[in-house]
Amino acid sequence: MKLIIGLGNPGDKYLTTRHNLGFMVAEQFLKDFESVNNTLWQHEDKVKSDIALLDWQPKHGQMERVILAKPLTYMNNSGMAVNLLSLYYKVAPEDVWIVHDELDLPFGLMKIRLGGAAAGHHGVESVIAGLNTDKFWRFRLGIGLARNKEEVAHHKMHNVEDYVLGNFVHEEQGRLSELIHHASKALQFSLENGLEAAMSKYNSK
């Protein structure tokens, strides 16, 4: 069983913000898996999330249950929902996959990795606290504009919250669509071929 969780903030006001990139990818993954008529999310108070239960049939091997989730606890308290989901569905941390925006990666890049520090991402910090470990998988999706260390320092020191809670601008829309579809395909490839193979194929060099 796998638990795939896109991080974001619930509510229309956050719908198209950079911080909701995890939600966008989770929604695209469900659209890629199901016919459009079946892309329905269930609101589950007991796990404080919208969820979709999927049966993933790989080309080789046995069918696996996949729980796709969007926490309703807001980004900075994502760990509460992740903890409830992992306990309710009895999913070990190493089978938890978190999809989230990453300011430290240039826009459009993606990195898959196991464990490590939160790098200032409050949603990931909350998940580490909620699971009491950092040993879960992250699909880190770049939203940064940084091209050098000076720009990185500037973004960390100036209006980071305004930036991540801002909407993607018009010039970013084409690249954003590519990133969302790219990440959805990476999730599918990971389920089919394993995460080590996915890291080799999808991690931005």
C-alpha atoms as a PDB file:
ATOM      1  CA  MET A   1       0.000   0.000   0.000  1.00  0.00           C
ATOM      2  CA  LYS A   2       1.192   3.500  -0.847  1.00  0.00           C
ATOM      3  CA  LEU A   3       0.057   6.821   0.578  1.00  0.00           C
ATOM      4  CA  ILE A   4       0.557   9.685  -1.906  1.00  0.00           C
ATOM      5  CA  ILE A   5      -0.108  13.097  -0.396  1.00  0.00           C
ATOM      6  CA  GLY A   6      -0.049  16.406  -2.190  1.00  0.00           C
ATOM      7  CA  LEU A   7       0.574  19.343   0.145  1.00  0.00           C
ATOM      8  CA  GLY A   8      -1.333  22.603  -0.097  1.00  0.00           C
ATOM      9  CA  ASN A   9      -3.945  24.835   1.491  1.00  0.00           C
ATOM     10  CA  PRO A  10      -7.686  24.140   1.176  1.00  0.00           C
ATOM     11  CA  GLY A  11     -10.075  26.787  -0.094  1.00  0.00           C
ATOM     12  CA  ASP A  12     -10.624  28.750  -3.294  1.00  0.00           C
ATOM     13  CA  LYS A  13      -8.350  31.637  -2.275  1.00  0.00           C
ATOM     14  CA  TYR A  14      -5.316  29.317  -2.386  1.00  0.00           C
ATOM     15  CA  LEU A  15      -6.359  27.284  -5.417  1.00  0.00           C
ATOM     16  CA  THR A  16      -3.786  28.574  -7.919  1.00  0.00           C
ATOM     17  CA  THR A  17      -0.969  29.584  -5.543  1.00  0.00           C
ATOM     18  CA  ARG A  18       2.578  28.249  -5.748  1.00  0.00           C
ATOM     19  CA  HIS A  19       2.181  26.558  -2.353  1.00  0.00           C
ATOM     20  CA  ASN A  20      -0.646  24.434  -3.798  1.00  0.00           C
ATOM     21  CA  LEU A  21       1.484  22.731  -6.412  1.00  0.00           C
ATOM     22  CA  GLY A  22       1.226  19.451  -4.481  1.00  0.00           C
ATOM     23  CA  PHE A  23      -2.577  19.593  -4.702  1.00  0.00           C
ATOM     24  CA  MET A  24      -2.361  20.297  -8.444  1.00  0.00           C
ATOM     25  CA  VAL A  25      -0.188  17.244  -9.041  1.00  0.00           C
ATOM     26  CA  ALA A  26      -2.439  14.996  -6.931  1.00  0.00           C
ATOM     27  CA  GLU A  27      -5.434  16.163  -8.975  1.00  0.00           C
ATOM     28  CA  GLN A  28      -3.598  15.537 -12.251  1.00  0.00           C
ATOM     29  CA  PHE A  29      -2.524  12.065 -11.100  1.00  0.00           C
ATOM     30  CA  LEU A  30      -6.174  11.192 -10.394  1.00  0.00           C
ATOM     31  CA  LYS A  31      -7.235  12.515 -13.821  1.00  0.00           C
ATOM     32  CA  ASP A  32      -4.522  10.436 -15.471  1.00  0.00           C
ATOM     33  CA  PHE A  33      -5.657   7.329 -13.582  1.00  0.00           C
ATOM     34  CA  GLU A  34      -9.440   7.636 -13.876  1.00  0.00           C
ATOM     35  CA  SER A  35     -11.852   8.713 -16.565  1.00  0.00           C
ATOM     36  CA  VAL A  36     -12.931  12.322 -16.027  1.00  0.00           C
ATOM     37  CA  ASN A  37     -16.328  11.221 -14.723  1.00  0.00           C
ATOM     38  CA  ASN A  38     -14.698   9.282 -11.890  1.00  0.00           C
ATOM     39  CA  THR A  39     -12.225  11.885 -10.632  1.00  0.00           C
ATOM     40  CA  LEU A  40     -14.109  12.402  -7.390  1.00  0.00           C
ATOM     41  CA  TRP A  41     -12.560  13.204  -4.033  1.00  0.00           C
ATOM     42  CA  GLN A  42     -14.141  11.961  -0.805  1.00  0.00           C
ATOM     43  CA  HIS A  43     -14.141  14.299   2.185  1.00  0.00           C
ATOM     44  CA  GLU A  44     -13.016  12.255   5.208  1.00  0.00           C
ATOM     45  CA  ASP A  45     -13.139  14.048   8.557  1.00  0.00           C
ATOM     46  CA  LYS A  46     -11.508  11.138  10.374  1.00  0.00           C
ATOM     47  CA  VAL A  47      -8.259  11.755   8.495  1.00  0.00           C
ATOM     48  CA  LYS A  48      -8.814  15.508   7.912  1.00  0.00           C
ATOM     49  CA  SER A  49      -8.302  15.074   4.178  1.00  0.00           C
ATOM     50  CA  ASP A  50      -9.925  14.711   0.811  1.00  0.00           C
ATOM     51  CA  ILE A  51      -8.999  11.252  -0.437  1.00  0.00           C
ATOM     52  CA  ALA A  52      -9.296   8.989  -3.461  1.00  0.00           C
ATOM     53  CA  LEU A  53      -8.778   5.237  -3.136  1.00  0.00           C
ATOM     54  CA  LEU A  54      -7.153   3.653  -6.177  1.00  0.00           C
ATOM     55  CA  ASP A  55      -6.180   0.121  -7.155  1.00  0.00           C
ATOM     56  CA  TRP A  56      -2.915   0.319  -9.088  1.00  0.00           C
ATOM     57  CA  GLN A  57      -2.296  -2.642 -11.378  1.00  0.00           C
ATOM     58  CA  PRO A  58       1.318  -2.653 -12.587  1.00  0.00           C
ATOM     59  CA  LYS A  59       2.232  -4.334 -15.844  1.00  0.00           C
ATOM     60  CA  HIS A  60       4.171  -6.869 -13.804  1.00  0.00           C
ATOM     61  CA  GLY A  61       3.260  -7.926 -10.285  1.00  0.00           C
ATOM     62  CA  GLN A  62       0.289  -7.707  -7.985  1.00  0.00           C
ATOM     63  CA  MET A  63      -2.287  -4.952  -7.688  1.00  0.00           C
ATOM     64  CA  GLU A  64      -1.528  -2.382  -4.976  1.00  0.00           C
ATOM     65  CA  ARG A  65      -3.885  -0.085  -3.108  1.00  0.00           C
ATOM     66  CA  VAL A  66      -2.952   3.597  -3.408  1.00  0.00           C
ATOM     67  CA  ILE A  67      -4.439   6.237  -1.130  1.00  0.00           C
ATOM     68  CA  LEU A  68      -4.268   9.648  -2.764  1.00  0.00           C
ATOM     69  CA  ALA A  69      -4.823  12.529  -0.345  1.00  0.00           C
ATOM     70  CA  LYS A  70      -5.044  16.301  -0.027  1.00  0.00           C
ATOM     71  CA  PRO A  71      -4.860  17.412   3.640  1.00  0.00           C
ATOM     72  CA  LEU A  72      -7.444  19.928   4.839  1.00  0.00           C
ATOM     73  CA  THR A  73      -5.355  21.067   7.813  1.00  0.00           C
ATOM     74  CA  TYR A  74      -3.551  23.884   5.962  1.00  0.00           C
ATOM     75  CA  MET A  75       0.072  23.672   4.936  1.00  0.00           C
ATOM     76  CA  ASN A  76       1.750  24.455   8.248  1.00  0.00           C
ATOM     77  CA  ASN A  77      -0.230  21.723  10.022  1.00  0.00           C
ATOM     78  CA  SER A  78       0.039  19.084   7.286  1.00  0.00           C
ATOM     79  CA  GLY A  79       1.636  16.624   9.694  1.00  0.00           C
ATOM     80  CA  MET A  80      -1.627  16.182  11.612  1.00  0.00           C
ATOM     81  CA  ALA A  81      -3.416  14.875   8.525  1.00  0.00           C
ATOM     82  CA  VAL A  82      -0.431  12.802   7.366  1.00  0.00           C
ATOM     83  CA  ASN A  83      -0.180  11.173  10.790  1.00  0.00           C
ATOM     84  CA  LEU A  84      -3.918  10.399  10.837  1.00  0.00           C
ATOM     85  CA  LEU A  85      -3.756   8.959   7.314  1.00  0.00           C
ATOM     86  CA  SER A  86      -0.717   6.787   8.029  1.00  0.00           C
ATOM     87  CA  LEU A  87      -2.248   5.450  11.249  1.00  0.00           C
ATOM     88  CA  TYR A  88      -5.727   4.829   9.842  1.00  0.00           C
ATOM     89  CA  TYR A  89      -4.476   3.032   6.732  1.00  0.00           C
ATOM     90  CA  LYS A  90      -1.512   1.436   8.542  1.00  0.00           C
ATOM     91  CA  VAL A  91       1.074   2.786   6.100  1.00  0.00           C
ATOM     92  CA  ALA A  92       4.732   2.870   7.179  1.00  0.00           C
ATOM     93  CA  PRO A  93       6.674   6.136   6.686  1.00  0.00           C
ATOM     94  CA  GLU A  94       8.790   4.634   3.891  1.00  0.00           C
ATOM     95  CA  ASP A  95       5.563   4.071   1.915  1.00  0.00           C
ATOM     96  CA  VAL A  96       4.453   7.693   2.373  1.00  0.00           C
ATOM     97  CA  TRP A  97       5.133   9.890  -0.671  1.00  0.00           C
ATOM     98  CA  ILE A  98       4.824  13.647  -0.164  1.00  0.00           C
ATOM     99  CA  VAL A  99       4.453  15.923  -3.216  1.00  0.00           C
ATOM    100  CA  HIS A 100       5.293  19.554  -2.483  1.00  0.00           C
ATOM    101  CA  ASP A 101       6.591  22.836  -3.846  1.00  0.00           C
ATOM    102  CA  GLU A 102      10.271  23.606  -3.257  1.00  0.00           C
ATOM    103  CA  LEU A 103      11.594  27.168  -3.195  1.00  0.00           C
ATOM    104  CA  ASP A 104      15.216  25.984  -3.237  1.00  0.00           C
ATOM    105  CA  LEU A 105      14.767  24.403  -6.694  1.00  0.00           C
ATOM    106  CA  PRO A 106      14.496  26.571  -9.814  1.00  0.00           C
ATOM    107  CA  PHE A 107      11.037  26.685 -11.338  1.00  0.00           C
ATOM    108  CA  GLY A 108      10.188  23.594 -13.370  1.00  0.00           C
ATOM    109  CA  LEU A 109      12.798  21.237 -11.905  1.00  0.00           C
ATOM    110  CA  MET A 110      11.987  18.149  -9.842  1.00  0.00           C
ATOM    111  CA  LYS A 111      13.910  16.031  -7.350  1.00  0.00           C
ATOM    112  CA  ILE A 112      12.786  12.766  -5.749  1.00  0.00           C
ATOM    113  CA  ARG A 113      14.507  11.823  -2.513  1.00  0.00           C
ATOM    114  CA  LEU A 114      14.147   9.879   0.716  1.00  0.00           C
ATOM    115  CA  GLY A 115      14.575  11.734   3.993  1.00  0.00           C
ATOM    116  CA  GLY A 116      16.564  14.833   4.805  1.00  0.00           C
ATOM    117  CA  ALA A 117      15.848  18.189   6.389  1.00  0.00           C
ATOM    118  CA  ALA A 118      12.788  20.288   5.579  1.00  0.00           C
ATOM    119  CA  ALA A 119      14.922  23.153   4.181  1.00  0.00           C
ATOM    120  CA  GLY A 120      12.567  25.713   5.673  1.00  0.00           C
ATOM    121  CA  HIS A 121       9.388  24.237   4.161  1.00  0.00           C
ATOM    122  CA  HIS A 122       6.868  24.441   7.012  1.00  0.00           C
ATOM    123  CA  GLY A 123       4.610  21.776   5.534  1.00  0.00           C
ATOM    124  CA  VAL A 124       7.477  19.283   5.373  1.00  0.00           C
ATOM    125  CA  GLU A 125       8.575  20.304   8.883  1.00  0.00           C
ATOM    126  CA  SER A 126       5.069  19.468  10.095  1.00  0.00           C
ATOM    127  CA  VAL A 127       5.090  16.087   8.318  1.00  0.00           C
ATOM    128  CA  ILE A 128       8.445  15.201   9.920  1.00  0.00           C
ATOM    129  CA  ALA A 129       6.963  16.050  13.326  1.00  0.00           C
ATOM    130  CA  GLY A 130       3.727  14.187  12.600  1.00  0.00           C
ATOM    131  CA  LEU A 131       5.455  10.993  11.488  1.00  0.00           C
ATOM    132  CA  ASN A 132       8.273  11.407  14.027  1.00  0.00           C
ATOM    133  CA  THR A 133      10.790  10.647  11.275  1.00  0.00           C
ATOM    134  CA  ASP A 134      12.185  12.219   8.139  1.00  0.00           C
ATOM    135  CA  LYS A 135      12.372   8.848   6.374  1.00  0.00           C
ATOM    136  CA  PHE A 136       9.542   9.355   3.904  1.00  0.00           C
ATOM    137  CA  TRP A 137       9.738  10.068   0.188  1.00  0.00           C
ATOM    138  CA  ARG A 138       9.462  13.583  -1.226  1.00  0.00           C
ATOM    139  CA  PHE A 139       8.668  14.667  -4.754  1.00  0.00           C
ATOM    140  CA  ARG A 140      10.128  18.175  -4.620  1.00  0.00           C
ATOM    141  CA  LEU A 141       8.828  20.510  -7.330  1.00  0.00           C
ATOM    142  CA  GLY A 142      10.786  23.677  -8.018  1.00  0.00           C
ATOM    143  CA  ILE A 143       9.026  27.033  -7.733  1.00  0.00           C
ATOM    144  CA  GLY A 144      12.154  29.136  -7.166  1.00  0.00           C
ATOM    145  CA  LEU A 145      13.423  31.882  -9.407  1.00  0.00           C
ATOM    146  CA  ALA A 146      16.938  31.476  -8.044  1.00  0.00           C
ATOM    147  CA  ARG A 147      19.811  31.075 -10.474  1.00  0.00           C
ATOM    148  CA  ASN A 148      22.671  31.881  -8.087  1.00  0.00           C
ATOM    149  CA  LYS A 149      23.448  31.999  -4.375  1.00  0.00           C
ATOM    150  CA  GLU A 150      22.732  35.715  -4.100  1.00  0.00           C
ATOM    151  CA  GLU A 151      19.221  35.254  -5.467  1.00  0.00           C
ATOM    152  CA  VAL A 152      18.645  32.292  -3.144  1.00  0.00           C
ATOM    153  CA  ALA A 153      19.617  34.429  -0.153  1.00  0.00           C
ATOM    154  CA  HIS A 154      17.379  37.250  -1.387  1.00  0.00           C
ATOM    155  CA  HIS A 155      14.331  34.968  -1.671  1.00  0.00           C
ATOM    156  CA  LYS A 156      14.928  33.484   1.759  1.00  0.00           C
ATOM    157  CA  MET A 157      15.149  36.895   3.370  1.00  0.00           C
ATOM    158  CA  HIS A 158      12.469  38.846   1.490  1.00  0.00           C
ATOM    159  CA  ASN A 159       8.757  38.095   1.289  1.00  0.00           C
ATOM    160  CA  VAL A 160       9.016  34.313   1.082  1.00  0.00           C
ATOM    161  CA  GLU A 161       5.478  33.895   2.408  1.00  0.00           C
ATOM    162  CA  ASP A 162       4.104  36.403  -0.109  1.00  0.00           C
ATOM    163  CA  TYR A 163       5.909  34.567  -2.888  1.00  0.00           C
ATOM    164  CA  VAL A 164       4.736  31.034  -2.059  1.00  0.00           C
ATOM    165  CA  LEU A 165       1.176  32.234  -1.401  1.00  0.00           C
ATOM    166  CA  GLY A 166       1.168  34.195  -4.658  1.00  0.00           C
ATOM    167  CA  ASN A 167      -0.360  32.925  -7.870  1.00  0.00           C
ATOM    168  CA  PHE A 168       1.683  31.617 -10.756  1.00  0.00           C
ATOM    169  CA  VAL A 169       2.061  34.449 -13.238  1.00  0.00           C
ATOM    170  CA  HIS A 170       0.933  34.271 -16.865  1.00  0.00           C
ATOM    171  CA  GLU A 171       4.464  33.700 -18.165  1.00  0.00           C
ATOM    172  CA  GLU A 172       4.781  30.589 -15.960  1.00  0.00           C
ATOM    173  CA  GLN A 173       1.591  28.838 -17.064  1.00  0.00           C
ATOM    174  CA  GLY A 174       3.083  26.783 -19.909  1.00  0.00           C
ATOM    175  CA  ARG A 175       6.007  25.553 -17.840  1.00  0.00           C
ATOM    176  CA  LEU A 176       3.660  24.949 -14.876  1.00  0.00           C
ATOM    177  CA  SER A 177       1.473  22.627 -16.942  1.00  0.00           C
ATOM    178  CA  GLU A 178       4.567  20.731 -18.078  1.00  0.00           C
ATOM    179  CA  LEU A 179       5.782  20.350 -14.485  1.00  0.00           C
ATOM    180  CA  ILE A 180       2.403  19.085 -13.233  1.00  0.00           C
ATOM    181  CA  HIS A 181       2.164  16.461 -15.991  1.00  0.00           C
ATOM    182  CA  HIS A 182       5.850  15.552 -15.528  1.00  0.00           C
ATOM    183  CA  ALA A 183       5.321  14.982 -11.791  1.00  0.00           C
ATOM    184  CA  SER A 184       2.197  12.901 -12.371  1.00  0.00           C
ATOM    185  CA  LYS A 185       4.121  10.696 -14.798  1.00  0.00           C
ATOM    186  CA  ALA A 186       6.943  10.392 -12.247  1.00  0.00           C
ATOM    187  CA  LEU A 187       4.465   9.115  -9.647  1.00  0.00           C
ATOM    188  CA  GLN A 188       3.118   6.588 -12.136  1.00  0.00           C
ATOM    189  CA  PHE A 189       6.620   5.481 -13.110  1.00  0.00           C
ATOM    190  CA  SER A 190       7.552   5.128  -9.418  1.00  0.00           C
ATOM    191  CA  LEU A 191       4.590   2.848  -8.770  1.00  0.00           C
ATOM    192  CA  GLU A 192       5.441   0.801 -11.853  1.00  0.00           C
ATOM    193  CA  ASN A 193       9.225   0.586 -11.559  1.00  0.00           C
ATOM    194  CA  GLY A 194      10.226   1.644  -8.045  1.00  0.00           C
ATOM    195  CA  LEU A 195      11.604   4.857  -6.597  1.00  0.00           C
ATOM    196  CA  GLU A 196      15.281   4.186  -7.265  1.00  0.00           C
ATOM    197  CA  ALA A 197      14.548   3.856 -10.979  1.00  0.00           C
ATOM    198  CA  ALA A 198      12.377   6.973 -10.814  1.00  0.00           C
ATOM    199  CA  MET A 199      15.203   8.970  -9.235  1.00  0.00           C
ATOM    200  CA  SER A 200      17.536   8.004 -12.087  1.00  0.00           C
ATOM    201  CA  LYS A 201      14.942   8.878 -14.729  1.00  0.00           C
ATOM    202  CA  TYR A 202      13.277  11.991 -13.328  1.00  0.00           C
ATOM    203  CA  ASN A 203      15.678  13.794 -11.026  1.00  0.00           C
ATOM    204  CA  SER A 204      16.795  17.039 -12.649  1.00  0.00           C
ATOM    205  CA  LYS A 205      20.534  16.948 -13.239  1.00  0.00           C
END
